[in-house]
Protein backbone atom coordinates (compact mmCIF):
# COMPACT_ATOMS: atom_id res chain seq x y z
CA MET A 1 -9.29 -50.06 1.86
CA ARG A 2 -11.45 -47.14 2.87
CA PHE A 3 -9.90 -43.75 3.32
CA ARG A 4 -10.67 -42.45 6.79
CA LEU A 5 -10.43 -38.75 7.47
CA GLN A 6 -8.43 -38.10 10.59
CA PRO A 7 -9.38 -34.64 11.89
CA LYS A 8 -6.46 -34.37 14.32
CA ARG A 9 -3.89 -35.12 11.59
CA VAL A 10 -5.57 -32.65 9.19
CA LEU A 11 -5.70 -30.00 11.86
CA ARG A 12 -2.04 -30.59 12.70
CA ARG A 13 -1.01 -30.17 9.10
CA VAL A 14 -3.12 -27.05 8.69
CA LEU A 15 -1.52 -25.55 11.82
CA LEU A 16 2.01 -26.44 10.53
CA VAL A 17 1.28 -24.74 7.18
CA LEU A 18 -0.06 -21.66 8.94
CA ALA A 19 2.97 -21.59 11.31
CA ALA A 20 5.31 -21.85 8.36
CA PHE A 21 3.52 -19.10 6.45
CA TYR A 22 3.42 -16.63 9.33
CA GLY A 23 6.97 -17.55 10.29
CA PHE A 24 8.02 -16.65 6.78
CA ILE A 25 6.06 -13.36 6.95
CA ALA A 26 7.60 -12.49 10.32
CA LEU A 27 11.10 -13.17 9.07
CA SER A 28 10.46 -11.14 5.97
CA LEU A 29 9.23 -8.21 7.99
CA LEU A 30 12.28 -8.42 10.27
CA ALA A 31 14.49 -8.30 7.19
CA LEU A 32 12.49 -5.38 5.77
CA ARG A 33 13.28 -3.32 8.91
CA PHE A 34 16.84 -3.05 7.51
CA LEU A 35 16.76 -4.16 3.85
CA ASP A 36 14.99 -2.52 0.94
CA PRO A 37 12.81 -4.90 -1.06
CA PRO A 38 14.16 -5.70 -4.57
CA THR A 39 10.58 -6.28 -5.72
CA THR A 40 7.09 -6.91 -4.33
CA ALA A 41 4.31 -9.44 -4.84
CA LEU A 42 2.22 -6.77 -6.62
CA GLN A 43 5.06 -5.85 -8.99
CA ALA A 44 5.56 -9.54 -9.76
CA GLU A 45 1.86 -9.95 -10.47
CA HIS A 46 1.89 -7.07 -12.90
CA ARG A 47 4.97 -8.45 -14.68
CA VAL A 48 3.29 -11.83 -15.06
CA GLU A 49 0.05 -10.25 -16.33
CA SER A 50 2.02 -8.29 -18.90
CA TRP A 51 3.88 -11.40 -20.02
CA PHE A 52 0.65 -13.36 -20.49
CA SER A 53 -0.96 -10.48 -22.41
CA LYS A 54 2.22 -10.20 -24.47
CA GLY A 55 2.23 -6.44 -23.93
CA SER A 56 5.26 -4.22 -23.48
CA TYR A 57 6.01 -3.53 -19.86
CA ARG A 58 8.77 -1.31 -18.55
CA MET A 59 9.17 -1.17 -14.77
CA ARG A 60 10.61 1.95 -13.11
CA TYR A 61 11.53 1.29 -9.49
CA ARG A 62 14.11 3.01 -7.32
CA PHE A 63 14.16 2.87 -3.53
CA VAL A 64 15.26 6.02 -1.71
CA PRO A 65 15.46 6.82 2.07
CA LEU A 66 12.58 8.72 3.63
CA ASN A 67 14.78 11.74 4.15
CA ARG A 68 15.13 11.97 0.35
CA ILE A 69 11.35 12.22 -0.12
CA SER A 70 10.02 15.74 0.39
CA PRO A 71 7.98 16.26 3.58
CA ALA A 72 5.29 17.80 1.38
CA LEU A 73 4.86 14.46 -0.49
CA GLN A 74 4.87 12.48 2.75
CA HIS A 75 2.18 14.71 4.23
CA ALA A 76 0.11 14.79 1.03
CA VAL A 77 0.03 10.99 0.87
CA ILE A 78 -1.00 10.64 4.53
CA ALA A 79 -3.67 13.32 4.09
CA ALA A 80 -5.01 11.61 0.99
CA GLU A 81 -4.74 7.96 2.01
CA ASP A 82 -4.77 7.63 5.80
CA GLY A 83 -5.33 10.81 7.83
CA ARG A 84 -5.05 9.01 11.19
CA PHE A 85 -1.93 7.06 10.23
CA TYR A 86 -0.05 8.11 13.36
CA GLN A 87 -3.01 7.55 15.64
CA HIS A 88 -4.09 4.01 14.79
CA SER A 89 -2.39 0.67 15.16
CA GLY A 90 -2.92 -0.59 11.64
CA PHE A 91 -6.69 -0.37 11.34
CA ASP A 92 -8.71 2.87 11.31
CA TRP A 93 -11.89 1.65 13.06
CA GLN A 94 -13.57 5.03 12.60
CA GLN A 95 -13.09 4.89 8.85
CA ILE A 96 -14.30 1.31 8.76
CA GLN A 97 -17.44 2.27 10.72
CA ASP A 98 -18.08 5.25 8.39
CA ALA A 99 -17.67 3.01 5.34
CA ILE A 100 -20.17 0.50 6.74
CA GLU A 101 -22.68 3.25 7.52
CA ASP A 102 -22.31 4.73 4.02
CA GLU A 103 -22.93 1.34 2.44
CA GLN A 104 -26.01 0.77 4.59
CA GLU A 105 -27.37 4.17 3.51
CA GLY A 106 -26.80 3.33 -0.14
CA LYS A 107 -24.01 5.81 -0.59
CA ARG A 108 -20.96 5.24 -2.72
CA LEU A 109 -18.66 2.67 -1.12
CA ARG A 110 -15.56 4.39 0.31
CA GLY A 111 -12.22 2.79 0.90
CA ALA A 112 -11.14 2.23 4.50
CA SER A 113 -7.74 0.62 4.04
CA THR A 114 -4.87 2.15 5.98
CA ILE A 115 -1.35 2.71 4.70
CA THR A 116 -0.24 -0.37 6.67
CA GLN A 117 -2.96 -2.53 5.04
CA GLN A 118 -1.97 -1.29 1.58
CA LEU A 119 1.69 -1.92 2.24
CA VAL A 120 1.02 -5.50 3.36
CA LYS A 121 -1.02 -6.07 0.19
CA ASN A 122 1.71 -4.67 -2.01
CA LEU A 123 4.53 -6.59 -0.34
CA PHE A 124 3.00 -10.06 0.10
CA LEU A 125 -0.41 -10.45 -1.57
CA THR A 126 -2.39 -9.71 -4.70
CA ALA A 127 -4.42 -6.76 -5.96
CA ARG A 128 -7.37 -9.04 -6.61
CA GLY A 129 -9.99 -8.46 -3.94
CA SER A 130 -11.44 -11.42 -2.01
CA PHE A 131 -12.53 -12.14 1.51
CA LEU A 132 -9.69 -14.60 1.85
CA ARG A 133 -7.10 -12.03 0.82
CA LYS A 134 -8.60 -9.43 3.12
CA GLY A 135 -8.49 -11.94 5.99
CA VAL A 136 -4.85 -12.79 5.39
CA GLU A 137 -4.03 -9.08 5.01
CA ALA A 138 -5.76 -8.26 8.31
CA SER A 139 -3.81 -11.02 10.09
CA ILE A 140 -0.45 -9.66 8.89
CA VAL A 141 -1.13 -5.96 9.69
CA PRO A 142 -0.46 -6.25 13.45
CA LEU A 143 2.85 -7.98 12.75
CA ALA A 144 3.84 -5.21 10.35
CA GLU A 145 2.98 -2.50 12.88
CA LEU A 146 4.86 -4.27 15.63
CA ILE A 147 7.97 -5.17 13.68
CA LEU A 148 8.42 -2.22 11.32
CA GLY A 149 7.09 0.84 13.19
CA LYS A 150 5.40 3.88 11.60
CA ARG A 151 8.47 5.52 10.03
CA ARG A 152 9.61 2.39 8.25
CA ILE A 153 6.02 1.55 7.16
CA LEU A 154 5.72 4.98 5.59
CA GLU A 155 9.17 4.72 3.95
CA LEU A 156 8.37 1.31 2.43
CA TYR A 157 4.91 2.40 1.34
CA LEU A 158 6.09 5.51 -0.51
CA ASN A 159 8.76 3.43 -2.25
CA VAL A 160 6.74 0.42 -3.42
CA ILE A 161 3.34 1.70 -4.41
CA GLU A 162 2.44 2.29 -8.04
CA TRP A 163 2.22 5.90 -9.31
CA GLY A 164 1.73 5.20 -12.99
CA PRO A 165 2.00 2.32 -15.52
CA GLY A 166 5.01 0.41 -14.24
CA VAL A 167 6.08 3.34 -12.11
CA TYR A 168 6.83 2.29 -8.46
CA GLY A 169 7.99 4.54 -5.69
CA ALA A 170 8.14 8.28 -5.07
CA GLU A 171 11.52 8.75 -6.79
CA ALA A 172 10.38 7.06 -10.01
CA ALA A 173 7.07 8.98 -9.85
CA ALA A 174 8.79 12.38 -9.50
CA GLN A 175 11.04 11.60 -12.43
CA TYR A 176 8.25 10.16 -14.59
CA HIS A 177 5.67 12.87 -13.99
CA TYR A 178 7.79 15.94 -13.27
CA ARG A 179 11.35 15.15 -14.38
CA THR A 180 12.69 15.91 -10.91
CA THR A 181 13.54 14.11 -7.69
CA ALA A 182 11.20 13.07 -4.89
CA PHE A 183 13.07 15.46 -2.59
CA ALA A 184 12.33 18.48 -4.82
CA ILE A 185 8.54 17.91 -5.04
CA GLY A 186 6.59 20.97 -3.75
CA ARG A 187 3.19 21.14 -2.10
CA ASP A 188 1.02 21.47 -5.23
CA SER A 189 2.85 18.71 -7.12
CA ALA A 190 2.77 16.51 -4.00
CA ALA A 191 -1.02 16.90 -3.69
CA ARG A 192 -1.42 16.06 -7.37
CA LEU A 193 0.74 12.94 -7.08
CA ALA A 194 -1.18 11.81 -3.98
CA ALA A 195 -4.42 12.31 -5.87
CA ILE A 196 -3.55 9.72 -8.51
CA LEU A 197 -2.91 6.88 -6.05
CA PRO A 198 -6.45 5.46 -6.09
CA ASP A 199 -6.14 4.83 -9.83
CA PRO A 200 -2.51 5.38 -10.92
CA ILE A 201 -3.00 3.78 -14.36
CA ARG A 202 -5.64 6.15 -15.59
CA ARG A 203 -5.13 9.31 -13.51
CA ARG A 204 -2.60 11.99 -14.35
CA PRO A 205 -1.37 14.73 -11.94
CA ALA A 206 -2.13 17.52 -14.38
CA ARG A 207 -5.85 16.60 -14.32
CA MET A 208 -6.17 16.42 -10.54
CA ASP A 209 -7.19 20.01 -9.83
CA ARG A 210 -10.26 19.19 -7.74
CA TYR A 211 -8.80 16.28 -5.84
CA SER A 212 -5.45 18.01 -5.18
CA ALA A 213 -7.32 21.07 -3.77
CA ILE A 214 -9.12 18.78 -1.31
CA ILE A 215 -5.83 17.20 -0.25
CA LEU A 216 -4.20 20.60 0.22
CA GLU A 217 -7.10 21.60 2.47
CA ARG A 218 -6.64 18.44 4.53
CA MET A 219 -2.94 19.12 4.83
CA ALA A 220 -3.66 22.68 6.08
CA LEU A 221 -6.15 21.31 8.64
CA MET A 222 -3.50 18.94 9.90
CA GLY A 223 -1.04 21.79 10.35
CA TRP A 224 1.00 20.92 7.26
C-alpha cells in the first residue's frame, strides 16, 4: 500500500500544534501577570548544560517586587538595554534599521533586541541563536506586550535575567556583587551592573568604568 501525503490533514495537524503551543504561551503569560516564575527556560537550559558537563553549578535566584528594586537600577538597565522601552510596542524598529545599516556598511553588528524580546527568550526559549528561534520569539512578543504591560515586563525582566554565573535577578545580583539589596543600589553601582548584562559570565562590575560612564550619560540625557 502506497503512502499518500494528504496536504489538508497535514495542514490541520500543523495548525492544531501551533494553536496548542500559542494557547499554552498565552495562558502562561496570563499566569505571569500575577504569579512569579519559579524558574525559566534559560535557567533550565543552563542547569542541563552544567549537568552534562559535570561541572558544579549553584543557582542564586530570588524574585522581588519592582518597588524593591532601586529606581537607579531600573533606569540604568533601560538606558543600557532598551532606551525606547516605553515608546515601542515590543520591537524597536529604529534600532533594527540602524543595525541593518551598520551591517551593510561593514560595521560591528549591534544588538537590536528589546527588553520584551529578551524576556520572552528567557522565559520560554533558548539562548542558542537561530532564525527559527527568532521567528518564534517575534511571534510571542506582541502577546507579552498585550497581556503583561510595561511595568510587569520590566519587573519580570529584572528578576529573571542572568547577572553572573548562576546569578539570576536584581536581588541576587546586588547580594552577589555588592553584598547589599537591590533596593540599596546607587547610580554608579546600577550603571556597572547594567554594563555586565551583555556578557554576565565574563564581565565584572568593577571593570566596567568605560561602559558604566556611557550608561550614566544616557541616564542623564533621559532625565534620570
